[in-house]
């Protein structure tokens, strides 16, 4: 018997030029059955894609009217963080999770992140690519080093012991994350939200191991070394100068 079951999980999906693949991740999200009878609310934000992402999403919505999907469109490309700001503001579920539109993360693992919440232990759950025995695609040594360095640097200022601050899979109490004044419009979202959520009074943060099916740049991966330097800047900015 779950001690803290709730009604709806909002799934926030930023999308940019994912026209050929968006139906694949939406199929995975649609098919997953959440524990404790929790319902799904999909919030998709198109960040001014230049391909057929919008048309692909609208076609999917027409084909699956039983699925609760809302679609927002940015008139100009603002960045992943800005898309997440839009989606977080629209979320009506008691909890929300971030889902990239690519296929690097497996929605079947939502329930792994939900368990600490519905069992009454957690307000926030991060899915770590660096713990547990789940499958992980072997890619990019220096990306791994960089991610672990950014997590360590973040932990120094937040006093958390996360293993994967940069993970996409972050599950939040919706009202708590909506209470934050988030500013970063691109990949600085991850260190900013981590720094700010860590300072909320009596916040309970957990971490669980997840799978990772990483993409190469040829397959559409978008984050690069410049984003890493921006992340360092944001860790220092929100860890020291903007508390």
Protein backbone atom coordinates (compact mmCIF):
# COMPACT_ATOMS: atom_id res chain seq x y z
CA UNK A 1 0.00 0.00 0.00
CA UNK A 2 1.50 3.30 -1.05
CA UNK A 3 1.54 5.99 1.61
CA UNK A 4 1.61 9.07 -0.60
CA UNK A 5 -0.19 8.16 -3.82
CA UNK A 6 -1.24 11.11 -5.99
CA UNK A 7 -3.38 11.55 -9.07
CA UNK A 8 -1.33 12.90 -11.97
CA UNK A 9 2.27 12.98 -13.17
CA UNK A 10 3.05 15.82 -15.59
CA UNK A 11 5.63 14.77 -18.18
CA UNK A 12 7.41 17.84 -19.56
CA UNK A 13 8.95 17.23 -23.00
CA UNK A 14 11.04 19.95 -24.69
CA UNK A 15 11.44 19.27 -28.41
CA UNK A 16 13.66 20.77 -31.07
CA UNK A 17 13.99 19.27 -34.55
CA UNK A 18 12.83 15.81 -33.41
CA UNK A 19 10.30 15.29 -36.21
CA UNK A 20 11.57 11.86 -37.33
CA UNK A 21 11.77 10.49 -33.76
CA UNK A 22 9.14 12.24 -31.65
CA UNK A 23 6.52 9.53 -32.21
CA UNK A 24 8.92 6.91 -30.87
CA UNK A 25 9.34 8.54 -27.46
CA UNK A 26 5.62 9.38 -27.32
CA UNK A 27 4.83 5.70 -27.95
CA UNK A 28 7.06 4.73 -25.02
CA UNK A 29 5.46 7.30 -22.73
CA UNK A 30 1.96 6.26 -23.83
CA UNK A 31 2.57 2.58 -23.14
CA UNK A 32 4.10 2.88 -19.69
CA UNK A 33 1.70 2.08 -16.82
CA UNK A 34 2.43 4.09 -13.71
CA UNK A 35 2.25 2.63 -10.23
CA UNK A 36 -0.48 3.48 -7.73
CA UNK A 37 -2.97 4.30 -10.51
CA UNK A 38 -1.21 7.56 -11.35
CA UNK A 39 -2.41 9.24 -14.56
CA UNK A 40 -0.19 10.94 -17.16
CA UNK A 41 -0.31 14.47 -18.49
CA UNK A 42 2.06 15.20 -21.41
CA UNK A 43 3.24 18.77 -21.90
CA UNK A 44 5.25 19.21 -25.10
CA UNK A 45 7.07 22.45 -25.89
CA UNK A 46 8.37 22.92 -29.43
CA UNK A 47 11.31 25.33 -29.32
CA UNK A 48 10.81 26.75 -32.82
CA UNK A 49 11.83 23.64 -34.73
CA UNK A 50 12.79 24.08 -38.37
CA UNK A 51 11.68 20.56 -39.38
CA UNK A 52 8.29 18.83 -39.15
CA UNK A 53 8.26 18.38 -35.37
CA UNK A 54 5.02 20.34 -34.94
CA UNK A 55 3.23 18.40 -37.68
CA UNK A 56 4.44 15.08 -36.24
CA UNK A 57 3.16 15.97 -32.76
CA UNK A 58 -0.20 17.18 -34.07
CA UNK A 59 -0.59 13.98 -36.09
CA UNK A 60 0.19 11.95 -32.98
CA UNK A 61 -2.37 13.87 -30.93
CA UNK A 62 -5.01 13.19 -33.60
CA UNK A 63 -4.14 9.49 -33.67
CA UNK A 64 -4.25 9.15 -29.86
CA UNK A 65 -7.07 11.33 -28.51
CA UNK A 66 -7.20 9.23 -25.34
CA UNK A 67 -3.80 10.59 -24.32
CA UNK A 68 -3.80 13.92 -22.49
CA UNK A 69 -1.33 16.05 -24.47
CA UNK A 70 -0.86 19.81 -24.58
CA UNK A 71 1.42 21.41 -27.16
CA UNK A 72 3.05 24.84 -26.87
CA UNK A 73 5.16 26.53 -29.52
CA UNK A 74 7.95 29.06 -29.11
CA UNK A 75 8.01 31.64 -31.89
CA UNK A 76 11.81 31.85 -31.68
CA UNK A 77 14.39 29.30 -30.54
CA UNK A 78 15.03 30.07 -26.88
CA UNK A 79 16.85 26.96 -25.64
CA UNK A 80 16.04 23.83 -23.64
CA UNK A 81 15.88 25.68 -20.33
CA UNK A 82 13.35 28.17 -21.68
CA UNK A 83 11.23 25.31 -23.02
CA UNK A 84 11.33 23.69 -19.58
CA UNK A 85 10.27 26.96 -17.95
CA UNK A 86 7.21 26.99 -20.22
CA UNK A 87 6.37 23.37 -19.48
CA UNK A 88 6.90 23.60 -15.71
CA UNK A 89 4.60 26.62 -15.51
CA UNK A 90 1.84 24.67 -17.31
CA UNK A 91 2.09 21.48 -15.24
CA UNK A 92 -1.03 20.63 -13.26
CA UNK A 93 0.00 17.25 -11.86
CA UNK A 94 1.10 16.98 -8.25
CA UNK A 95 4.53 15.87 -9.50
CA UNK A 96 6.35 16.41 -12.78
CA UNK A 97 9.21 14.70 -14.58
CA UNK A 98 11.43 15.96 -17.39
CA UNK A 99 11.64 13.80 -20.51
CA UNK A 100 13.88 14.62 -23.47
CA UNK A 101 12.32 14.00 -26.88
CA UNK A 102 15.17 11.73 -27.97
CA UNK A 103 15.51 8.06 -27.04
CA UNK A 104 18.37 8.33 -24.54
CA UNK A 105 16.16 7.67 -21.51
CA UNK A 106 13.54 4.95 -20.95
CA UNK A 107 10.07 6.00 -19.71
CA UNK A 108 9.58 2.47 -18.32
CA UNK A 109 11.82 3.69 -15.49
CA UNK A 110 9.43 6.44 -14.37
CA UNK A 111 8.21 4.01 -11.74
CA UNK A 112 11.71 3.66 -10.30
CA UNK A 113 11.74 7.41 -9.71
CA UNK A 114 8.16 7.42 -8.42
CA UNK A 115 8.65 4.78 -5.73
CA UNK A 116 10.45 7.04 -3.20
CA UNK A 117 7.68 9.61 -3.67
CA UNK A 118 4.63 7.35 -3.41
CA UNK A 119 6.22 5.60 -0.43
CA UNK A 120 6.35 8.95 1.35
CA UNK A 121 10.12 9.51 1.42
CA UNK A 122 10.95 12.03 -1.31
CA UNK A 123 9.98 15.40 -2.75
CA UNK A 124 12.59 15.26 -5.54
CA UNK A 125 14.16 12.25 -7.27
CA UNK A 126 17.06 12.31 -9.72
CA UNK A 127 17.73 9.40 -12.07
CA UNK A 128 21.46 8.69 -12.11
CA UNK A 129 23.26 7.26 -15.13
CA UNK A 130 26.24 6.45 -12.92
CA UNK A 131 24.75 4.11 -10.34
CA UNK A 132 22.97 0.76 -10.45
CA UNK A 133 23.21 -2.16 -12.88
CA UNK A 134 20.93 -0.91 -15.68
CA UNK A 135 22.21 -0.80 -19.31
CA UNK A 136 24.44 2.14 -20.31
CA UNK A 137 25.67 2.75 -23.83
CA UNK A 138 29.45 3.23 -23.93
CA UNK A 139 30.21 6.65 -25.43
CA UNK A 140 32.45 9.70 -25.03
CA UNK A 141 35.00 9.27 -22.22
CA UNK A 142 35.48 13.01 -21.80
CA UNK A 143 31.73 13.63 -21.55
CA UNK A 144 31.63 11.21 -18.65
CA UNK A 145 34.59 12.91 -16.99
CA UNK A 146 32.97 16.29 -17.58
CA UNK A 147 29.61 15.21 -16.15
CA UNK A 148 31.24 13.80 -13.03
CA UNK A 149 33.31 16.95 -12.57
CA UNK A 150 30.24 19.18 -12.92
CA UNK A 151 28.36 17.03 -10.41
CA UNK A 152 31.26 17.23 -7.94
CA UNK A 153 31.50 21.00 -8.33
CA UNK A 154 27.74 21.34 -7.87
CA UNK A 155 27.83 19.14 -4.77
CA UNK A 156 30.51 21.34 -3.20
CA UNK A 157 28.12 24.30 -3.20
CA UNK A 158 24.83 22.47 -2.55
CA UNK A 159 26.22 20.06 0.06
CA UNK A 160 24.42 17.23 -1.71
CA UNK A 161 25.99 13.88 -2.64
CA UNK A 162 24.45 13.43 -6.08
CA UNK A 163 26.21 11.22 -8.62
CA UNK A 164 24.55 12.77 -11.72
CA UNK A 165 23.48 16.41 -11.50
CA UNK A 166 23.29 16.70 -15.30
CA UNK A 167 20.74 13.89 -15.76
CA UNK A 168 17.60 14.58 -17.77
CA UNK A 169 15.42 12.51 -15.45
CA UNK A 170 14.47 14.82 -12.62
CA UNK A 171 11.19 14.27 -10.76
CA UNK A 172 9.88 17.23 -8.75
CA UNK A 173 7.03 18.12 -6.45
CA UNK A 174 5.33 20.47 -8.92
CA UNK A 175 4.50 23.27 -6.50
CA UNK A 176 8.02 23.27 -5.11
CA UNK A 177 9.72 23.57 -8.49
CA UNK A 178 7.14 26.12 -9.66
CA UNK A 179 8.06 28.23 -6.62
CA UNK A 180 11.62 28.68 -7.93
CA UNK A 181 12.54 31.71 -10.03
CA UNK A 182 14.42 29.95 -12.81
CA UNK A 183 16.40 32.05 -15.28
CA UNK A 184 18.69 29.84 -17.37
CA UNK A 185 17.35 29.40 -20.90
CA UNK A 186 19.75 26.76 -22.20
CA UNK A 187 21.66 23.89 -20.61
CA UNK A 188 22.40 25.96 -17.50
CA UNK A 189 18.98 24.80 -16.31
CA UNK A 190 20.45 21.68 -14.67
CA UNK A 191 22.89 23.34 -12.22
CA UNK A 192 20.49 26.22 -11.56
CA UNK A 193 17.50 24.08 -10.64
CA UNK A 194 19.72 21.79 -8.55
CA UNK A 195 21.18 24.71 -6.61
CA UNK A 196 17.82 26.35 -6.02
CA UNK A 197 15.84 23.20 -5.15
CA UNK A 198 18.55 22.17 -2.67
CA UNK A 199 17.94 25.34 -0.63
CA UNK A 200 14.22 24.81 -0.07
CA UNK A 201 13.48 24.17 3.62
CA UNK A 202 13.25 20.47 4.59
CA UNK A 203 13.47 19.33 0.96
CA UNK A 204 13.93 15.56 0.61
CA UNK A 205 16.06 14.64 -2.40
CA UNK A 206 16.65 11.04 -3.53
CA UNK A 207 18.54 9.42 -6.38
CA UNK A 208 17.93 6.12 -8.20
CA UNK A 209 19.89 4.31 -10.91
CA UNK A 210 18.56 4.45 -14.47
CA UNK A 211 19.52 3.22 -17.94
CA UNK A 212 21.16 5.41 -20.56
CA UNK A 213 20.93 4.89 -24.32
CA UNK A 214 23.14 7.80 -25.41
CA UNK A 215 23.19 9.26 -28.91
CA UNK A 216 26.21 10.23 -30.99
CA UNK A 217 26.37 13.63 -32.68
CA UNK A 218 25.53 11.96 -35.98
CA UNK A 219 22.41 10.57 -34.31
CA UNK A 220 21.33 14.01 -33.11
CA UNK A 221 23.07 14.73 -29.82
CA UNK A 222 23.06 18.50 -29.27
CA UNK A 223 25.04 19.30 -26.10
CA UNK A 224 28.69 20.30 -26.59
CA UNK A 225 31.78 21.56 -24.79
CA UNK A 226 30.53 25.16 -24.72
CA UNK A 227 27.55 23.97 -22.67
CA UNK A 228 29.98 22.47 -20.17
CA UNK A 229 31.66 25.83 -19.62
CA UNK A 230 28.26 27.46 -19.23
CA UNK A 231 27.39 24.83 -16.61
CA UNK A 232 30.54 25.71 -14.63
CA UNK A 233 29.58 29.38 -14.79
CA UNK A 234 26.05 28.57 -13.57
CA UNK A 235 27.30 26.39 -10.71
CA UNK A 236 29.44 29.28 -9.48
CA UNK A 237 26.76 31.89 -10.17
CA UNK A 238 23.97 30.10 -8.30
CA UNK A 239 26.25 28.48 -5.75
CA UNK A 240 28.10 31.61 -4.63
CA UNK A 241 26.92 34.86 -6.18
CA UNK A 242 23.16 34.41 -6.51
CA UNK A 243 21.97 32.59 -3.43
